[in-house]
Structures are given as structure tokens and as C-alpha cells.
């Protein structure tokens, strides 16, 4: 099984499938070294928690018998059941979960920008 994305959803899926089937090879493909625990973001907004306490290392998944590949996916070919990373690695899979992070497209909302987003407090 390959999981594209090692954030909150991808990490939860990896831990769950690995725990439910110890013989299953689970690989997470994630270029970031860490992710932020979104469920705790409201505590940051309330001033009850420092944002740094929400950071989780993606490599921590290895403690749950999950392989972590620190790489970016370049293409997915469902018919061939493989993904290719930007450095050319080919990963075959029987099952694929896409749990990649969202990318903001600020230009699609009139009057909104990255600067405006950083000025407004929000729970991510």
C-alpha cells in the first residue's frame, strides 16, 4: 500500500492499516519532515498552546512499521498501479490512498492574497 501524503489523514491511515494488518507493507510518500496537528489549532488560537507543540515528525511513522519516503510525487498511473517521484523512483502498489495536502490558490478569490491570509487568524 502506498499513501501519498504524510499529514494528519495520511499518517492516521498508515498507522491504522499497519496496525490492522502487520504483514501489509505500507509506504508513505511525503516531502515534508513534519506536519501540524490541525485538531489542536483551536488551542493555539485561544492562547492555550504554543504552535510548536503541534508539530509531528513524519518519520515517527516508522515506529508503527510504516516506511517513509521523503520525496514528492510527480505522477500517478492508476492503470499501471504505480507512482513516480520527481527523482524518478517508481513505486508499485496494490492499494493507493491520496491524502496529499491542499494548496491554496489565492488568485482564484478576488481581493484575497497570501498576505491577507497571513493577517487573518484561522484554524487550519
N, C-alpha and C. Protein backbone atom coordinates (compact mmCIF):
# COMPACT_ATOMS: atom_id res chain seq x y z
N UNK A 1 0.84 -1.17 0.00
CA UNK A 1 0.00 0.00 0.00
C UNK A 1 0.89 1.23 0.00
N UNK A 2 0.52 2.20 -0.83
CA UNK A 2 1.22 3.48 -0.86
C UNK A 2 0.24 4.56 -0.47
N UNK A 3 0.69 5.46 0.40
CA UNK A 3 -0.10 6.60 0.82
C UNK A 3 0.66 7.85 0.41
N UNK A 4 0.03 8.66 -0.44
CA UNK A 4 0.62 9.92 -0.87
C UNK A 4 0.15 10.99 0.11
N UNK A 5 1.07 11.48 0.91
CA UNK A 5 0.75 12.48 1.92
C UNK A 5 0.92 11.92 3.32
N UNK A 6 1.76 12.57 4.09
CA UNK A 6 2.04 12.11 5.45
C UNK A 6 1.57 13.09 6.49
N UNK A 7 0.52 13.84 6.17
CA UNK A 7 -0.06 14.76 7.16
C UNK A 7 -1.01 14.01 8.07
N UNK A 8 -1.94 14.73 8.65
CA UNK A 8 -2.86 14.14 9.63
C UNK A 8 -3.62 12.94 9.06
N UNK A 9 -4.24 13.08 7.89
CA UNK A 9 -5.03 11.99 7.31
C UNK A 9 -4.15 10.83 6.86
N UNK A 10 -3.06 11.14 6.16
CA UNK A 10 -2.18 10.08 5.67
C UNK A 10 -1.53 9.30 6.79
N UNK A 11 -1.11 10.02 7.83
CA UNK A 11 -0.48 9.35 8.98
C UNK A 11 -1.48 8.45 9.71
N UNK A 12 -2.71 8.94 9.87
CA UNK A 12 -3.74 8.13 10.54
C UNK A 12 -4.04 6.88 9.74
N UNK A 13 -4.14 7.01 8.42
CA UNK A 13 -4.39 5.84 7.57
C UNK A 13 -3.24 4.85 7.66
N UNK A 14 -2.01 5.35 7.60
CA UNK A 14 -0.84 4.48 7.66
C UNK A 14 -0.80 3.70 8.97
N UNK A 15 -0.99 4.39 10.08
CA UNK A 15 -0.98 3.70 11.39
C UNK A 15 -2.10 2.67 11.47
N UNK A 16 -3.28 3.04 11.02
CA UNK A 16 -4.43 2.13 11.11
C UNK A 16 -4.22 0.87 10.28
N UNK A 17 -3.85 1.02 9.01
CA UNK A 17 -3.67 -0.15 8.16
C UNK A 17 -2.50 -1.01 8.63
N UNK A 18 -1.44 -0.40 9.09
CA UNK A 18 -0.29 -1.16 9.58
C UNK A 18 -0.65 -1.95 10.84
N UNK A 19 -1.43 -1.32 11.71
CA UNK A 19 -1.83 -2.00 12.95
C UNK A 19 -2.81 -3.14 12.65
N UNK A 20 -3.75 -2.93 11.72
CA UNK A 20 -4.75 -3.95 11.41
C UNK A 20 -4.19 -5.13 10.65
N UNK A 21 -3.11 -4.91 9.90
CA UNK A 21 -2.51 -5.99 9.13
C UNK A 21 -1.00 -5.87 9.18
N UNK A 22 -0.37 -6.47 10.19
CA UNK A 22 1.09 -6.35 10.37
C UNK A 22 1.90 -6.87 9.18
N UNK A 23 1.32 -7.70 8.31
CA UNK A 23 2.04 -8.22 7.14
C UNK A 23 1.94 -7.30 5.93
N UNK A 24 1.17 -6.23 6.04
CA UNK A 24 0.99 -5.29 4.95
C UNK A 24 2.17 -4.31 4.89
N UNK A 25 2.75 -4.15 3.70
CA UNK A 25 3.81 -3.16 3.52
C UNK A 25 3.16 -1.82 3.23
N UNK A 26 3.35 -0.86 4.12
CA UNK A 26 2.77 0.47 3.98
C UNK A 26 3.90 1.47 3.79
N UNK A 27 3.82 2.25 2.71
CA UNK A 27 4.80 3.29 2.44
C UNK A 27 4.09 4.62 2.32
N UNK A 28 4.58 5.61 3.06
CA UNK A 28 4.07 6.97 2.97
C UNK A 28 5.07 7.80 2.18
N UNK A 29 4.58 8.52 1.18
CA UNK A 29 5.42 9.42 0.38
C UNK A 29 5.07 10.84 0.80
N UNK A 30 6.04 11.52 1.40
CA UNK A 30 5.80 12.86 1.96
C UNK A 30 7.09 13.66 1.92
N UNK A 31 7.11 14.80 1.22
CA UNK A 31 8.34 15.58 1.16
C UNK A 31 8.65 16.36 2.45
N UNK A 32 7.64 16.71 3.22
CA UNK A 32 7.86 17.49 4.44
C UNK A 32 8.38 16.59 5.56
N UNK A 33 9.16 17.17 6.44
CA UNK A 33 9.70 16.42 7.58
C UNK A 33 8.70 16.31 8.73
N UNK A 34 7.76 17.27 8.79
CA UNK A 34 6.79 17.26 9.88
C UNK A 34 5.47 17.86 9.39
N UNK A 35 4.43 17.68 10.19
CA UNK A 35 3.14 18.29 9.91
C UNK A 35 2.56 18.80 11.21
N UNK A 36 1.58 19.67 11.10
CA UNK A 36 0.94 20.25 12.27
C UNK A 36 -0.36 19.51 12.57
N UNK A 37 -0.60 19.22 13.83
CA UNK A 37 -1.84 18.57 14.24
C UNK A 37 -2.98 19.59 14.20
N UNK A 38 -3.75 19.55 13.15
CA UNK A 38 -4.85 20.50 12.97
C UNK A 38 -5.86 20.49 14.12
N UNK A 39 -6.19 19.34 14.71
CA UNK A 39 -7.18 19.37 15.79
C UNK A 39 -6.76 20.23 17.00
N UNK A 40 -5.49 20.49 17.14
CA UNK A 40 -5.04 21.31 18.26
C UNK A 40 -4.95 22.80 17.94
N UNK A 41 -5.26 23.16 16.70
CA UNK A 41 -5.08 24.55 16.29
C UNK A 41 -5.99 25.52 17.04
N UNK A 42 -7.13 25.08 17.45
CA UNK A 42 -8.02 25.97 18.21
C UNK A 42 -7.40 26.34 19.55
N UNK A 43 -6.63 25.45 20.13
CA UNK A 43 -5.96 25.76 21.39
C UNK A 43 -4.88 26.82 21.18
N UNK A 44 -4.26 26.82 20.01
CA UNK A 44 -3.27 27.86 19.68
C UNK A 44 -3.99 29.20 19.57
N UNK A 45 -5.11 29.21 18.87
CA UNK A 45 -5.88 30.45 18.71
C UNK A 45 -6.34 31.02 20.04
N UNK A 46 -6.63 30.13 20.98
CA UNK A 46 -7.08 30.56 22.30
C UNK A 46 -5.92 30.95 23.21
N UNK A 47 -4.69 30.78 22.72
CA UNK A 47 -3.53 31.12 23.53
C UNK A 47 -3.19 30.10 24.59
N UNK A 48 -3.73 28.91 24.48
CA UNK A 48 -3.50 27.87 25.48
C UNK A 48 -2.42 26.87 25.09
N UNK A 49 -1.92 27.01 23.86
CA UNK A 49 -0.88 26.09 23.40
C UNK A 49 0.01 26.80 22.40
N UNK A 50 1.29 26.49 22.45
CA UNK A 50 2.25 27.06 21.51
C UNK A 50 2.21 26.25 20.21
N UNK A 51 2.24 26.92 19.04
CA UNK A 51 2.18 26.19 17.77
C UNK A 51 3.25 25.11 17.63
N UNK A 52 4.41 25.32 18.22
CA UNK A 52 5.49 24.33 18.09
C UNK A 52 5.13 22.99 18.73
N UNK A 53 4.20 22.98 19.67
CA UNK A 53 3.80 21.72 20.32
C UNK A 53 2.91 20.87 19.43
N UNK A 54 2.45 21.43 18.32
CA UNK A 54 1.59 20.69 17.41
C UNK A 54 2.35 19.99 16.30
N UNK A 55 3.65 20.22 16.21
CA UNK A 55 4.47 19.62 15.14
C UNK A 55 4.70 18.14 15.42
N UNK A 56 4.49 17.32 14.40
CA UNK A 56 4.69 15.87 14.49
C UNK A 56 5.65 15.46 13.39
N UNK A 57 6.69 14.74 13.74
CA UNK A 57 7.67 14.26 12.77
C UNK A 57 7.08 13.11 11.95
N UNK A 58 7.14 13.22 10.63
CA UNK A 58 6.62 12.18 9.76
C UNK A 58 7.37 10.86 9.97
N UNK A 59 8.67 10.93 10.21
CA UNK A 59 9.47 9.71 10.43
C UNK A 59 9.00 8.92 11.65
N UNK A 60 8.22 9.54 12.50
CA UNK A 60 7.65 8.82 13.65
C UNK A 60 6.79 7.64 13.23
N UNK A 61 6.31 7.66 12.00
CA UNK A 61 5.51 6.54 11.50
C UNK A 61 6.31 5.25 11.42
N UNK A 62 7.62 5.38 11.33
CA UNK A 62 8.46 4.18 11.25
C UNK A 62 8.34 3.33 12.51
N UNK A 63 7.98 3.94 13.63
CA UNK A 63 7.75 3.17 14.87
C UNK A 63 6.54 2.26 14.74
N UNK A 64 5.70 2.51 13.74
CA UNK A 64 4.49 1.71 13.51
C UNK A 64 4.65 0.80 12.29
N UNK A 65 5.89 0.46 11.95
CA UNK A 65 6.22 -0.41 10.82
C UNK A 65 5.76 0.17 9.49
N UNK A 66 5.84 1.48 9.36
CA UNK A 66 5.50 2.18 8.13
C UNK A 66 6.78 2.73 7.53
N UNK A 67 6.99 2.50 6.22
CA UNK A 67 8.14 3.08 5.53
C UNK A 67 7.79 4.51 5.12
N UNK A 68 8.77 5.40 5.26
CA UNK A 68 8.57 6.79 4.88
C UNK A 68 9.57 7.14 3.80
N UNK A 69 9.06 7.66 2.68
CA UNK A 69 9.90 8.12 1.59
C UNK A 69 9.77 9.63 1.51
N UNK A 70 10.85 10.33 1.82
CA UNK A 70 10.85 11.80 1.81
C UNK A 70 11.04 12.29 0.38
N UNK A 71 9.95 12.32 -0.35
CA UNK A 71 10.01 12.63 -1.78
C UNK A 71 8.67 13.22 -2.20
N UNK A 72 8.66 13.82 -3.39
CA UNK A 72 7.45 14.41 -3.96
C UNK A 72 6.98 13.55 -5.12
N UNK A 73 5.68 13.32 -5.20
CA UNK A 73 5.11 12.53 -6.29
C UNK A 73 5.02 13.40 -7.53
N UNK A 74 5.51 12.87 -8.64
CA UNK A 74 5.45 13.58 -9.92
C UNK A 74 4.26 13.12 -10.75
N UNK A 75 3.94 11.81 -10.67
CA UNK A 75 2.82 11.30 -11.45
C UNK A 75 2.25 10.05 -10.80
N UNK A 76 0.98 9.83 -11.08
CA UNK A 76 0.28 8.63 -10.64
C UNK A 76 -0.33 7.99 -11.88
N UNK A 77 -0.07 6.70 -12.06
CA UNK A 77 -0.62 5.97 -13.20
C UNK A 77 -1.48 4.82 -12.67
N UNK A 78 -2.78 5.08 -12.45
CA UNK A 78 -3.65 4.06 -11.86
C UNK A 78 -3.73 2.78 -12.69
N UNK A 79 -3.74 2.90 -14.01
CA UNK A 79 -3.83 1.71 -14.85
C UNK A 79 -2.64 0.77 -14.69
N UNK A 80 -1.50 1.35 -14.41
CA UNK A 80 -0.29 0.56 -14.20
C UNK A 80 0.00 0.31 -12.73
N UNK A 81 -0.81 0.91 -11.88
CA UNK A 81 -0.66 0.77 -10.42
C UNK A 81 0.73 1.14 -9.94
N UNK A 82 1.16 2.33 -10.37
CA UNK A 82 2.43 2.83 -9.85
C UNK A 82 2.42 4.36 -9.81
N UNK A 83 3.32 4.85 -8.96
CA UNK A 83 3.56 6.29 -8.90
C UNK A 83 5.04 6.51 -9.19
N UNK A 84 5.32 7.69 -9.68
CA UNK A 84 6.72 8.07 -9.94
C UNK A 84 7.00 9.33 -9.16
N UNK A 85 8.17 9.37 -8.51
CA UNK A 85 8.56 10.55 -7.76
C UNK A 85 9.35 11.50 -8.66
N UNK A 86 9.54 12.72 -8.20
CA UNK A 86 10.26 13.70 -9.02
C UNK A 86 11.71 13.28 -9.28
N UNK A 87 12.27 12.46 -8.41
CA UNK A 87 13.65 12.00 -8.67
C UNK A 87 13.69 10.72 -9.50
N UNK A 88 12.51 10.28 -10.00
CA UNK A 88 12.47 9.14 -10.91
C UNK A 88 12.18 7.79 -10.28
N UNK A 89 12.04 7.73 -8.97
CA UNK A 89 11.74 6.45 -8.33
C UNK A 89 10.35 5.98 -8.74
N UNK A 90 10.21 4.69 -8.95
CA UNK A 90 8.94 4.09 -9.31
C UNK A 90 8.47 3.23 -8.14
N UNK A 91 7.26 3.51 -7.66
CA UNK A 91 6.69 2.72 -6.56
C UNK A 91 5.45 2.00 -7.06
N UNK A 92 5.46 0.68 -6.94
CA UNK A 92 4.30 -0.12 -7.31
C UNK A 92 3.37 -0.25 -6.11
N UNK A 93 2.09 -0.38 -6.37
CA UNK A 93 1.14 -0.53 -5.27
C UNK A 93 -0.02 -1.44 -5.67
N UNK A 94 -0.59 -2.08 -4.64
CA UNK A 94 -1.85 -2.81 -4.79
C UNK A 94 -3.01 -1.90 -4.43
N UNK A 95 -2.76 -1.05 -3.42
CA UNK A 95 -3.75 -0.08 -2.95
C UNK A 95 -3.07 1.27 -2.85
N UNK A 96 -3.82 2.33 -3.17
CA UNK A 96 -3.28 3.68 -3.12
C UNK A 96 -4.27 4.58 -2.39
N UNK A 97 -3.74 5.35 -1.46
CA UNK A 97 -4.53 6.38 -0.78
C UNK A 97 -3.88 7.72 -1.10
N UNK A 98 -4.68 8.66 -1.57
CA UNK A 98 -4.17 10.00 -1.83
C UNK A 98 -4.68 10.90 -0.70
N UNK A 99 -3.74 11.32 0.13
CA UNK A 99 -4.05 12.18 1.28
C UNK A 99 -3.11 13.38 1.28
N UNK A 100 -2.86 13.88 0.08
CA UNK A 100 -1.93 15.00 -0.07
C UNK A 100 -2.54 16.29 0.47
N UNK A 101 -1.67 17.17 0.89
CA UNK A 101 -2.07 18.45 1.45
C UNK A 101 -2.70 19.33 0.38
N UNK A 102 -3.59 20.19 0.81
CA UNK A 102 -4.21 21.16 -0.10
C UNK A 102 -3.23 22.30 -0.37
N UNK A 103 -3.33 22.87 -1.54
CA UNK A 103 -2.51 24.02 -1.92
C UNK A 103 -3.44 25.19 -2.19
N UNK A 104 -3.22 26.28 -1.48
CA UNK A 104 -4.07 27.45 -1.66
C UNK A 104 -3.82 28.10 -3.01
N UNK A 105 -4.90 28.49 -3.66
CA UNK A 105 -4.82 29.22 -4.94
C UNK A 105 -5.45 30.59 -4.69
N UNK A 106 -4.67 31.45 -4.08
CA UNK A 106 -5.16 32.75 -3.65
C UNK A 106 -5.76 33.57 -4.79
N UNK A 107 -5.20 33.45 -5.98
CA UNK A 107 -5.65 34.26 -7.10
C UNK A 107 -7.07 33.95 -7.54
N UNK A 108 -7.65 32.85 -7.07
CA UNK A 108 -9.00 32.47 -7.50
C UNK A 108 -10.09 33.22 -6.74
N UNK A 109 -9.75 33.93 -5.69
CA UNK A 109 -10.73 34.71 -4.92
C UNK A 109 -10.35 36.18 -5.03
N UNK A 110 -11.22 36.94 -5.64
CA UNK A 110 -10.95 38.36 -5.85
C UNK A 110 -10.69 39.06 -4.52
N UNK A 111 -9.58 39.80 -4.45
CA UNK A 111 -9.24 40.55 -3.25
C UNK A 111 -8.52 39.75 -2.18
N UNK A 112 -8.36 38.46 -2.40
CA UNK A 112 -7.69 37.62 -1.40
C UNK A 112 -6.26 37.37 -1.87
N UNK A 113 -5.33 37.25 -0.92
CA UNK A 113 -3.93 37.03 -1.27
C UNK A 113 -3.26 36.27 -0.14
N UNK A 114 -2.04 35.84 -0.39
CA UNK A 114 -1.28 35.16 0.65
C UNK A 114 -1.04 36.09 1.83
N UNK A 115 -0.81 37.35 1.53
CA UNK A 115 -0.61 38.35 2.59
C UNK A 115 -1.86 38.50 3.44
N UNK A 116 -3.02 38.56 2.79
CA UNK A 116 -4.27 38.67 3.54
C UNK A 116 -4.50 37.44 4.42
N UNK A 117 -4.17 36.27 3.89
CA UNK A 117 -4.35 35.03 4.65
C UNK A 117 -3.48 35.01 5.89
N UNK A 118 -2.27 35.54 5.79
CA UNK A 118 -1.36 35.54 6.95
C UNK A 118 -1.79 36.57 8.00
N UNK A 119 -2.58 37.56 7.59
CA UNK A 119 -3.03 38.58 8.52
C UNK A 119 -4.30 38.17 9.28
N UNK A 120 -5.04 37.22 8.74
CA UNK A 120 -6.27 36.78 9.36
C UNK A 120 -6.04 35.53 10.18
N UNK A 121 -6.48 35.53 11.40
CA UNK A 121 -6.34 34.34 12.24
C UNK A 121 -7.36 33.30 11.82
N UNK A 122 -6.89 32.07 11.67
CA UNK A 122 -7.80 30.97 11.34
C UNK A 122 -7.25 29.67 11.89
N UNK A 123 -8.14 28.75 12.09
CA UNK A 123 -7.72 27.41 12.50
C UNK A 123 -7.53 26.60 11.22
N UNK A 124 -6.37 26.04 11.08
CA UNK A 124 -6.12 25.31 9.85
C UNK A 124 -6.57 23.92 10.06
